[in-house]
Amino acid sequence: KIRKMQQGYWAPEVFREEKGHEEKSFVYTFGVFIIHLISEQLPFNQYDYPQLLYNVGSGNLLHQVPAGCPSPLDEIISECCRFNPEKRPTFR
């Protein structure tokens, strides 16, 4: 159960086992954490690992800003959860 919960937070590059994006992967996870707090639902909990591996890793399944999300947070989520790690902000 815990591993399944964690997989919903993984960035696409983590599923693809790419190296060199560790900081940007944490930024992605931060965006997903905000989604979890607002929606009160585990991210992508309805999918199993093979589905997540293929769909998140390929960009077919992306996190969405929850309906009713306050304006400042929707921009943060959108920026943090970009598919391309190089286009995500940093924590600096």
C-alpha atoms as a PDB file:
ATOM      1  CA  LYS A   1       0.000   0.000   0.000  1.00  0.00           C
ATOM      2  CA  ILE A   2       2.767   2.464   0.895  1.00  0.00           C
ATOM      3  CA  ARG A   3       4.740   1.753  -2.279  1.00  0.00           C
ATOM      4  CA  LYS A   4       1.594   2.167  -4.369  1.00  0.00           C
ATOM      5  CA  MET A   5       0.923   5.512  -2.694  1.00  0.00           C
ATOM      6  CA  GLN A   6       4.473   6.663  -3.386  1.00  0.00           C
ATOM      7  CA  GLN A   7       4.270   5.782  -7.075  1.00  0.00           C
ATOM      8  CA  GLY A   8       1.527   8.341  -7.599  1.00  0.00           C
ATOM      9  CA  TYR A   9       4.025  11.015  -6.561  1.00  0.00           C
ATOM     10  CA  TRP A  10       6.791   9.912  -8.922  1.00  0.00           C
ATOM     11  CA  ALA A  11       7.897  12.212 -11.729  1.00  0.00           C
ATOM     12  CA  PRO A  12       7.849  10.856 -15.298  1.00  0.00           C
ATOM     13  CA  GLU A  13      11.650  10.667 -15.392  1.00  0.00           C
ATOM     14  CA  VAL A  14      11.633   8.462 -12.284  1.00  0.00           C
ATOM     15  CA  PHE A  15       9.467   5.917 -14.111  1.00  0.00           C
ATOM     16  CA  ARG A  16      11.907   6.093 -17.041  1.00  0.00           C
ATOM     17  CA  GLU A  17      14.845   5.621 -14.619  1.00  0.00           C
ATOM     18  CA  GLU A  18      16.620   8.715 -15.960  1.00  0.00           C
ATOM     19  CA  LYS A  19      19.480  10.092 -13.884  1.00  0.00           C
ATOM     20  CA  GLY A  20      20.436  13.715 -13.341  1.00  0.00           C
ATOM     21  CA  HIS A  21      16.995  15.148 -12.593  1.00  0.00           C
ATOM     22  CA  GLU A  22      16.827  14.461  -8.863  1.00  0.00           C
ATOM     23  CA  GLU A  23      16.131  18.056  -7.785  1.00  0.00           C
ATOM     24  CA  LYS A  24      13.523  18.546 -10.508  1.00  0.00           C
ATOM     25  CA  SER A  25      11.887  15.259  -9.502  1.00  0.00           C
ATOM     26  CA  PHE A  26      11.481  16.625  -5.973  1.00  0.00           C
ATOM     27  CA  VAL A  27       9.869  19.756  -7.437  1.00  0.00           C
ATOM     28  CA  TYR A  28       7.393  17.520  -9.295  1.00  0.00           C
ATOM     29  CA  THR A  29       6.635  15.609  -6.094  1.00  0.00           C
ATOM     30  CA  PHE A  30       6.005  18.898  -4.289  1.00  0.00           C
ATOM     31  CA  GLY A  31       3.398  19.827  -6.908  1.00  0.00           C
ATOM     32  CA  VAL A  32       1.716  16.441  -6.522  1.00  0.00           C
ATOM     33  CA  PHE A  33       1.751  16.854  -2.738  1.00  0.00           C
ATOM     34  CA  ILE A  34      -0.183  20.124  -3.094  1.00  0.00           C
ATOM     35  CA  ILE A  35      -2.706  18.336  -5.333  1.00  0.00           C
ATOM     36  CA  HIS A  36      -3.077  15.626  -2.680  1.00  0.00           C
ATOM     37  CA  LEU A  37      -3.697  18.220   0.047  1.00  0.00           C
ATOM     38  CA  ILE A  38      -6.336  20.067  -1.977  1.00  0.00           C
ATOM     39  CA  SER A  39      -8.133  17.046  -3.432  1.00  0.00           C
ATOM     40  CA  GLU A  40      -7.782  14.867  -0.315  1.00  0.00           C
ATOM     41  CA  GLN A  41      -7.194  11.901  -2.641  1.00  0.00           C
ATOM     42  CA  LEU A  42      -4.092   9.825  -3.253  1.00  0.00           C
ATOM     43  CA  PRO A  43      -2.651  10.693  -6.658  1.00  0.00           C
ATOM     44  CA  PHE A  44      -3.326   8.108  -9.374  1.00  0.00           C
ATOM     45  CA  ASN A  45      -4.368   5.567  -6.738  1.00  0.00           C
ATOM     46  CA  GLN A  46      -6.710   3.861  -9.216  1.00  0.00           C
ATOM     47  CA  TYR A  47      -3.803   2.726 -11.428  1.00  0.00           C
ATOM     48  CA  ASP A  48      -1.437  -0.182 -10.927  1.00  0.00           C
ATOM     49  CA  TYR A  49       2.322   0.034 -11.447  1.00  0.00           C
ATOM     50  CA  PRO A  50       2.437  -1.114 -15.109  1.00  0.00           C
ATOM     51  CA  GLN A  51      -0.233   1.455 -16.003  1.00  0.00           C
ATOM     52  CA  LEU A  52       1.662   4.210 -14.198  1.00  0.00           C
ATOM     53  CA  LEU A  53       4.992   3.153 -15.675  1.00  0.00           C
ATOM     54  CA  TYR A  54       3.688   3.419 -19.212  1.00  0.00           C
ATOM     55  CA  ASN A  55       1.253   6.328 -18.933  1.00  0.00           C
ATOM     56  CA  VAL A  56       3.128   8.680 -16.606  1.00  0.00           C
ATOM     57  CA  GLY A  57       6.532   7.831 -18.066  1.00  0.00           C
ATOM     58  CA  SER A  58       5.334   8.571 -21.594  1.00  0.00           C
ATOM     59  CA  GLY A  59       3.352  11.693 -20.691  1.00  0.00           C
ATOM     60  CA  ASN A  60      -0.040  10.163 -21.471  1.00  0.00           C
ATOM     61  CA  LEU A  61      -1.170  10.652 -17.869  1.00  0.00           C
ATOM     62  CA  LEU A  62      -0.405  14.011 -16.282  1.00  0.00           C
ATOM     63  CA  HIS A  63      -1.472  15.499 -12.972  1.00  0.00           C
ATOM     64  CA  GLN A  64      -4.203  18.108 -13.261  1.00  0.00           C
ATOM     65  CA  VAL A  65      -4.921  21.118 -11.085  1.00  0.00           C
ATOM     66  CA  PRO A  66      -7.952  20.245  -8.927  1.00  0.00           C
ATOM     67  CA  ALA A  67     -11.190  22.113  -9.597  1.00  0.00           C
ATOM     68  CA  GLY A  68     -11.621  25.046  -7.261  1.00  0.00           C
ATOM     69  CA  CYS A  69      -7.899  25.327  -6.580  1.00  0.00           C
ATOM     70  CA  PRO A  70      -6.969  28.827  -5.356  1.00  0.00           C
ATOM     71  CA  SER A  71      -5.283  30.943  -8.023  1.00  0.00           C
ATOM     72  CA  PRO A  72      -1.769  31.186  -6.552  1.00  0.00           C
ATOM     73  CA  LEU A  73      -1.614  27.423  -6.049  1.00  0.00           C
ATOM     74  CA  ASP A  74      -2.854  26.469  -9.509  1.00  0.00           C
ATOM     75  CA  GLU A  75       0.155  28.185 -11.067  1.00  0.00           C
ATOM     76  CA  ILE A  76       2.570  26.500  -8.650  1.00  0.00           C
ATOM     77  CA  ILE A  77       1.059  23.085  -9.392  1.00  0.00           C
ATOM     78  CA  SER A  78       1.158  23.661 -13.149  1.00  0.00           C
ATOM     79  CA  GLU A  79       4.798  24.753 -13.037  1.00  0.00           C
ATOM     80  CA  CYS A  80       5.934  21.959 -10.708  1.00  0.00           C
ATOM     81  CA  CYS A  81       4.128  19.167 -12.569  1.00  0.00           C
ATOM     82  CA  ARG A  82       5.450  19.891 -16.046  1.00  0.00           C
ATOM     83  CA  PHE A  83       6.394  16.769 -17.980  1.00  0.00           C
ATOM     84  CA  ASN A  84       9.803  18.130 -18.991  1.00  0.00           C
ATOM     85  CA  PRO A  85      11.986  18.388 -15.854  1.00  0.00           C
ATOM     86  CA  GLU A  86      14.062  21.194 -17.365  1.00  0.00           C
ATOM     87  CA  LYS A  87      10.954  23.396 -17.552  1.00  0.00           C
ATOM     88  CA  ARG A  88      10.113  23.004 -13.863  1.00  0.00           C
ATOM     89  CA  PRO A  89      11.138  25.671 -11.350  1.00  0.00           C
ATOM     90  CA  THR A  90      13.796  25.129  -8.711  1.00  0.00           C
ATOM     91  CA  PHE A  91      13.485  25.449  -4.952  1.00  0.00           C
ATOM     92  CA  ARG A  92      16.169  28.148  -4.930  1.00  0.00           C
END
